[in-house]
Amino acid sequence: MADLTKALADLDAERAKLEAKRLGLIADRKKAVGDLAEKAGVLAIADDILVGAFGEIATALRTNDQVKLQAWAANGGVADPRKRGRKPKAPKAAAPPPPSAGEVEMV
């Protein structure tokens, strides 16, 4: 009986630890969403407009509207310099090695 009591207590402790982690992740995400709103220049928009926009997002997610989701992702990539479609710069070619002893360098 003591083993079961300890196991239940351990599970409760683990549940509490996971819940604290979940709440921390939610807080981090809320801050990140606020940072995105500021970056997009919509921090000062009226709440009803933001709720309407979030409602559109929620509906597209709920109905799995891939056309809208992909369009938003493509448009959102414009704000992210890593996703601008630029090709990564090719590494510069290494300089040729210096001539070895006894070789004559032609200029």
N, C-alpha and C. Protein backbone atom coordinates (compact mmCIF):
# COMPACT_ATOMS: atom_id res chain seq x y z
N MET A 1 0.82 -1.19 0.00
CA MET A 1 0.00 0.00 0.00
C MET A 1 0.87 1.25 0.00
N ALA A 2 1.99 1.22 0.72
CA ALA A 2 2.89 2.36 0.78
C ALA A 2 3.49 2.64 -0.59
N ASP A 3 3.75 1.56 -1.35
CA ASP A 3 4.31 1.74 -2.69
C ASP A 3 3.34 2.50 -3.59
N LEU A 4 2.07 2.14 -3.50
CA LEU A 4 1.06 2.83 -4.31
C LEU A 4 0.92 4.28 -3.88
N THR A 5 0.96 4.54 -2.61
CA THR A 5 0.85 5.91 -2.10
C THR A 5 2.03 6.74 -2.59
N LYS A 6 3.22 6.16 -2.52
CA LYS A 6 4.41 6.89 -3.00
C LYS A 6 4.32 7.11 -4.51
N ALA A 7 3.89 6.11 -5.25
CA ALA A 7 3.78 6.24 -6.71
C ALA A 7 2.79 7.34 -7.06
N LEU A 8 1.66 7.40 -6.35
CA LEU A 8 0.68 8.46 -6.60
C LEU A 8 1.25 9.83 -6.25
N ALA A 9 1.98 9.92 -5.16
CA ALA A 9 2.60 11.18 -4.77
C ALA A 9 3.63 11.61 -5.82
N ASP A 10 4.40 10.66 -6.32
CA ASP A 10 5.39 10.96 -7.35
C ASP A 10 4.70 11.46 -8.63
N LEU A 11 3.60 10.81 -8.98
CA LEU A 11 2.85 11.25 -10.17
C LEU A 11 2.29 12.65 -9.98
N ASP A 12 1.79 12.93 -8.78
CA ASP A 12 1.28 14.28 -8.51
C ASP A 12 2.39 15.32 -8.60
N ALA A 13 3.57 14.97 -8.09
CA ALA A 13 4.71 15.89 -8.17
C ALA A 13 5.11 16.11 -9.62
N GLU A 14 5.14 15.04 -10.40
CA GLU A 14 5.48 15.15 -11.82
C GLU A 14 4.44 15.98 -12.56
N ARG A 15 3.17 15.76 -12.26
CA ARG A 15 2.09 16.54 -12.88
C ARG A 15 2.26 18.02 -12.55
N ALA A 16 2.58 18.34 -11.31
CA ALA A 16 2.77 19.73 -10.91
C ALA A 16 3.96 20.35 -11.64
N LYS A 17 5.03 19.57 -11.79
CA LYS A 17 6.22 20.06 -12.49
C LYS A 17 5.91 20.32 -13.97
N LEU A 18 5.18 19.40 -14.59
CA LEU A 18 4.80 19.58 -15.99
C LEU A 18 3.86 20.77 -16.17
N GLU A 19 2.96 20.96 -15.23
CA GLU A 19 2.04 22.10 -15.31
C GLU A 19 2.81 23.42 -15.18
N ALA A 20 3.79 23.47 -14.30
CA ALA A 20 4.61 24.67 -14.16
C ALA A 20 5.38 24.94 -15.46
N LYS A 21 5.90 23.89 -16.07
CA LYS A 21 6.61 24.04 -17.33
C LYS A 21 5.66 24.52 -18.42
N ARG A 22 4.45 23.96 -18.47
CA ARG A 22 3.44 24.37 -19.46
C ARG A 22 3.11 25.85 -19.30
N LEU A 23 2.93 26.29 -18.07
CA LEU A 23 2.61 27.69 -17.83
C LEU A 23 3.76 28.61 -18.23
N GLY A 24 4.98 28.15 -17.99
CA GLY A 24 6.15 28.93 -18.41
C GLY A 24 6.24 29.05 -19.92
N LEU A 25 5.96 27.95 -20.63
CA LEU A 25 5.97 27.98 -22.09
C LEU A 25 4.87 28.88 -22.64
N ILE A 26 3.72 28.86 -22.00
CA ILE A 26 2.63 29.74 -22.42
C ILE A 26 3.03 31.20 -22.23
N ALA A 27 3.64 31.51 -21.11
CA ALA A 27 4.08 32.89 -20.85
C ALA A 27 5.11 33.32 -21.90
N ASP A 28 6.04 32.43 -22.22
CA ASP A 28 7.05 32.74 -23.25
C ASP A 28 6.38 33.00 -24.59
N ARG A 29 5.39 32.18 -24.93
CA ARG A 29 4.71 32.33 -26.22
C ARG A 29 3.91 33.63 -26.27
N LYS A 30 3.27 33.98 -25.15
CA LYS A 30 2.53 35.25 -25.11
C LYS A 30 3.46 36.43 -25.37
N LYS A 31 4.64 36.39 -24.79
CA LYS A 31 5.60 37.46 -25.02
C LYS A 31 6.03 37.48 -26.48
N ALA A 32 6.28 36.30 -27.04
CA ALA A 32 6.71 36.21 -28.44
C ALA A 32 5.62 36.75 -29.38
N VAL A 33 4.37 36.44 -29.09
CA VAL A 33 3.26 36.95 -29.93
C VAL A 33 3.18 38.46 -29.81
N GLY A 34 3.37 38.98 -28.60
CA GLY A 34 3.40 40.44 -28.42
C GLY A 34 4.54 41.08 -29.19
N ASP A 35 5.70 40.44 -29.18
CA ASP A 35 6.84 40.95 -29.94
C ASP A 35 6.55 40.94 -31.44
N LEU A 36 5.87 39.89 -31.91
CA LEU A 36 5.50 39.83 -33.32
C LEU A 36 4.50 40.93 -33.68
N ALA A 37 3.55 41.18 -32.79
CA ALA A 37 2.57 42.24 -33.03
C ALA A 37 3.28 43.59 -33.12
N GLU A 38 4.25 43.80 -32.26
CA GLU A 38 5.02 45.05 -32.31
C GLU A 38 5.82 45.14 -33.60
N LYS A 39 6.46 44.05 -33.98
CA LYS A 39 7.27 44.01 -35.20
C LYS A 39 6.40 44.28 -36.44
N ALA A 40 5.18 43.76 -36.43
CA ALA A 40 4.26 43.94 -37.56
C ALA A 40 3.58 45.30 -37.54
N GLY A 41 3.77 46.06 -36.47
CA GLY A 41 3.17 47.38 -36.39
C GLY A 41 1.70 47.38 -36.03
N VAL A 42 1.22 46.32 -35.37
CA VAL A 42 -0.20 46.24 -35.03
C VAL A 42 -0.43 46.26 -33.52
N LEU A 43 0.57 46.66 -32.77
CA LEU A 43 0.45 46.66 -31.31
C LEU A 43 -0.64 47.61 -30.83
N ALA A 44 -0.84 48.71 -31.55
CA ALA A 44 -1.81 49.72 -31.12
C ALA A 44 -3.18 49.57 -31.78
N ILE A 45 -3.41 48.50 -32.49
CA ILE A 45 -4.71 48.28 -33.15
C ILE A 45 -5.76 47.94 -32.09
N ALA A 46 -6.99 48.33 -32.35
CA ALA A 46 -8.09 48.07 -31.41
C ALA A 46 -8.25 46.56 -31.19
N ASP A 47 -8.62 46.22 -29.96
CA ASP A 47 -8.77 44.82 -29.58
C ASP A 47 -9.77 44.06 -30.46
N ASP A 48 -10.89 44.72 -30.82
CA ASP A 48 -11.88 44.01 -31.62
C ASP A 48 -11.33 43.62 -32.99
N ILE A 49 -10.45 44.43 -33.54
CA ILE A 49 -9.85 44.09 -34.83
C ILE A 49 -8.88 42.92 -34.65
N LEU A 50 -8.08 42.97 -33.59
CA LEU A 50 -7.16 41.86 -33.33
C LEU A 50 -7.91 40.55 -33.07
N VAL A 51 -8.99 40.63 -32.30
CA VAL A 51 -9.77 39.42 -32.03
C VAL A 51 -10.37 38.88 -33.32
N GLY A 52 -10.84 39.77 -34.18
CA GLY A 52 -11.36 39.33 -35.47
C GLY A 52 -10.29 38.65 -36.32
N ALA A 53 -9.09 39.23 -36.34
CA ALA A 53 -8.00 38.63 -37.11
C ALA A 53 -7.61 37.27 -36.53
N PHE A 54 -7.53 37.21 -35.18
CA PHE A 54 -7.22 35.92 -34.55
C PHE A 54 -8.33 34.91 -34.81
N GLY A 55 -9.57 35.37 -34.89
CA GLY A 55 -10.68 34.48 -35.21
C GLY A 55 -10.53 33.89 -36.61
N GLU A 56 -10.09 34.71 -37.55
CA GLU A 56 -9.83 34.22 -38.91
C GLU A 56 -8.75 33.14 -38.90
N ILE A 57 -7.71 33.39 -38.12
CA ILE A 57 -6.63 32.41 -38.01
C ILE A 57 -7.15 31.11 -37.40
N ALA A 58 -7.93 31.25 -36.33
CA ALA A 58 -8.48 30.06 -35.65
C ALA A 58 -9.38 29.27 -36.59
N THR A 59 -10.20 29.96 -37.37
CA THR A 59 -11.09 29.28 -38.31
C THR A 59 -10.28 28.54 -39.38
N ALA A 60 -9.25 29.19 -39.90
CA ALA A 60 -8.41 28.55 -40.93
C ALA A 60 -7.71 27.32 -40.36
N LEU A 61 -7.26 27.39 -39.11
CA LEU A 61 -6.63 26.23 -38.48
C LEU A 61 -7.64 25.12 -38.23
N ARG A 62 -8.82 25.49 -37.74
CA ARG A 62 -9.85 24.50 -37.42
C ARG A 62 -10.35 23.78 -38.67
N THR A 63 -10.48 24.52 -39.79
CA THR A 63 -10.99 23.93 -41.03
C THR A 63 -9.85 23.44 -41.93
N ASN A 64 -8.62 23.59 -41.45
CA ASN A 64 -7.44 23.16 -42.20
C ASN A 64 -7.41 23.80 -43.59
N ASP A 65 -7.66 25.12 -43.63
CA ASP A 65 -7.66 25.87 -44.88
C ASP A 65 -6.22 26.12 -45.32
N GLN A 66 -5.67 25.16 -46.05
CA GLN A 66 -4.27 25.22 -46.45
C GLN A 66 -3.95 26.41 -47.35
N VAL A 67 -4.92 26.83 -48.16
CA VAL A 67 -4.67 27.98 -49.04
C VAL A 67 -4.37 29.21 -48.21
N LYS A 68 -5.22 29.50 -47.23
CA LYS A 68 -5.00 30.67 -46.38
C LYS A 68 -3.73 30.50 -45.54
N LEU A 69 -3.57 29.34 -44.94
CA LEU A 69 -2.42 29.13 -44.06
C LEU A 69 -1.11 29.27 -44.82
N GLN A 70 -1.05 28.72 -46.02
CA GLN A 70 0.18 28.82 -46.82
C GLN A 70 0.41 30.25 -47.29
N ALA A 71 -0.67 30.96 -47.65
CA ALA A 71 -0.52 32.35 -48.07
C ALA A 71 -0.01 33.20 -46.91
N TRP A 72 -0.57 32.98 -45.72
CA TRP A 72 -0.10 33.74 -44.55
C TRP A 72 1.35 33.41 -44.24
N ALA A 73 1.70 32.15 -44.34
CA ALA A 73 3.09 31.76 -44.07
C ALA A 73 4.03 32.41 -45.07
N ALA A 74 3.62 32.45 -46.34
CA ALA A 74 4.46 33.08 -47.37
C ALA A 74 4.60 34.57 -47.11
N ASN A 75 3.50 35.22 -46.76
CA ASN A 75 3.55 36.66 -46.47
C ASN A 75 4.34 36.93 -45.20
N GLY A 76 4.23 36.06 -44.23
CA GLY A 76 4.97 36.23 -42.99
C GLY A 76 6.46 36.05 -43.19
N GLY A 77 6.83 35.26 -44.16
CA GLY A 77 8.24 35.06 -44.46
C GLY A 77 8.93 36.31 -44.96
N VAL A 78 8.14 37.25 -45.51
CA VAL A 78 8.71 38.50 -46.00
C VAL A 78 9.31 39.29 -44.85
N ALA A 79 8.69 39.20 -43.67
CA ALA A 79 9.18 39.94 -42.51
C ALA A 79 10.37 39.27 -41.86
N ASP A 80 10.62 38.03 -42.20
CA ASP A 80 11.71 37.28 -41.60
C ASP A 80 12.86 37.22 -42.60
N PRO A 81 13.96 37.92 -42.32
CA PRO A 81 15.06 37.95 -43.29
C PRO A 81 15.59 36.57 -43.67
N ARG A 82 15.41 35.59 -42.79
CA ARG A 82 15.89 34.25 -43.11
C ARG A 82 15.03 33.59 -44.17
N LYS A 83 13.83 34.10 -44.42
CA LYS A 83 12.90 33.47 -45.35
C LYS A 83 12.63 34.33 -46.58
N ARG A 84 13.43 35.29 -46.88
CA ARG A 84 13.17 36.20 -47.98
C ARG A 84 13.42 35.61 -49.35
N GLY A 85 13.82 34.38 -49.41
CA GLY A 85 14.04 33.75 -50.70
C GLY A 85 15.43 34.05 -51.26
N ARG A 86 16.25 34.69 -50.49
CA ARG A 86 17.61 34.96 -50.95
C ARG A 86 18.42 33.67 -50.90
N LYS A 87 19.23 33.54 -51.89
CA LYS A 87 20.12 32.39 -51.88
C LYS A 87 21.27 32.70 -50.93
N PRO A 88 21.72 31.72 -50.20
CA PRO A 88 22.86 31.98 -49.33
C PRO A 88 24.08 32.34 -50.17
N LYS A 89 24.89 33.23 -49.64
CA LYS A 89 26.09 33.63 -50.35
C LYS A 89 27.03 32.43 -50.48
N ALA A 90 27.58 32.31 -51.66
CA ALA A 90 28.54 31.23 -51.89
C ALA A 90 29.84 31.60 -51.17
N PRO A 91 30.49 30.63 -50.59
CA PRO A 91 31.75 30.94 -49.92
C PRO A 91 32.77 31.42 -50.95
N LYS A 92 33.59 32.34 -50.51
CA LYS A 92 34.63 32.86 -51.40
C LYS A 92 35.62 31.75 -51.73
N ALA A 93 36.07 31.78 -52.95
CA ALA A 93 37.04 30.77 -53.38
C ALA A 93 38.34 30.98 -52.61
N ALA A 94 38.92 29.91 -52.23
CA ALA A 94 40.18 30.00 -51.50
C ALA A 94 41.27 30.48 -52.43
N ALA A 95 42.18 31.25 -51.90
CA ALA A 95 43.31 31.74 -52.70
C ALA A 95 44.17 30.55 -53.08
N PRO A 96 44.74 30.60 -54.27
CA PRO A 96 45.61 29.48 -54.66
C PRO A 96 46.81 29.42 -53.74
N PRO A 97 47.31 28.24 -53.52
CA PRO A 97 48.47 28.11 -52.62
C PRO A 97 49.68 28.82 -53.23
N PRO A 98 50.58 29.29 -52.40
CA PRO A 98 51.77 29.93 -52.93
C PRO A 98 52.62 28.92 -53.68
N PRO A 99 53.40 29.39 -54.63
CA PRO A 99 54.22 28.44 -55.39
C PRO A 99 55.20 27.74 -54.46
N SER A 100 55.44 26.49 -54.77
CA SER A 100 56.37 25.73 -53.95
C SER A 100 57.80 26.12 -54.32
N ALA A 101 58.72 25.74 -53.50
CA ALA A 101 60.12 26.07 -53.74
C ALA A 101 60.53 25.52 -55.09
N GLY A 102 61.18 26.31 -55.89
CA GLY A 102 61.66 25.86 -57.19
C GLY A 102 60.71 26.18 -58.33
N GLU A 103 59.43 26.52 -58.02
CA GLU A 103 58.49 26.90 -59.08
C GLU A 103 58.63 28.38 -59.35
N VAL A 104 58.41 28.75 -60.57
CA VAL A 104 58.46 30.16 -60.95
C VAL A 104 57.03 30.64 -61.11
N GLU A 105 56.74 31.75 -60.51
CA GLU A 105 55.39 32.31 -60.61
C GLU A 105 55.30 33.16 -61.85
N MET A 106 54.34 32.88 -62.71
CA MET A 106 54.13 33.65 -63.94
C MET A 106 53.15 34.75 -63.64
N VAL A 107 53.50 35.98 -64.02
CA VAL A 107 52.61 37.12 -63.79
C VAL A 107 52.17 37.69 -65.08
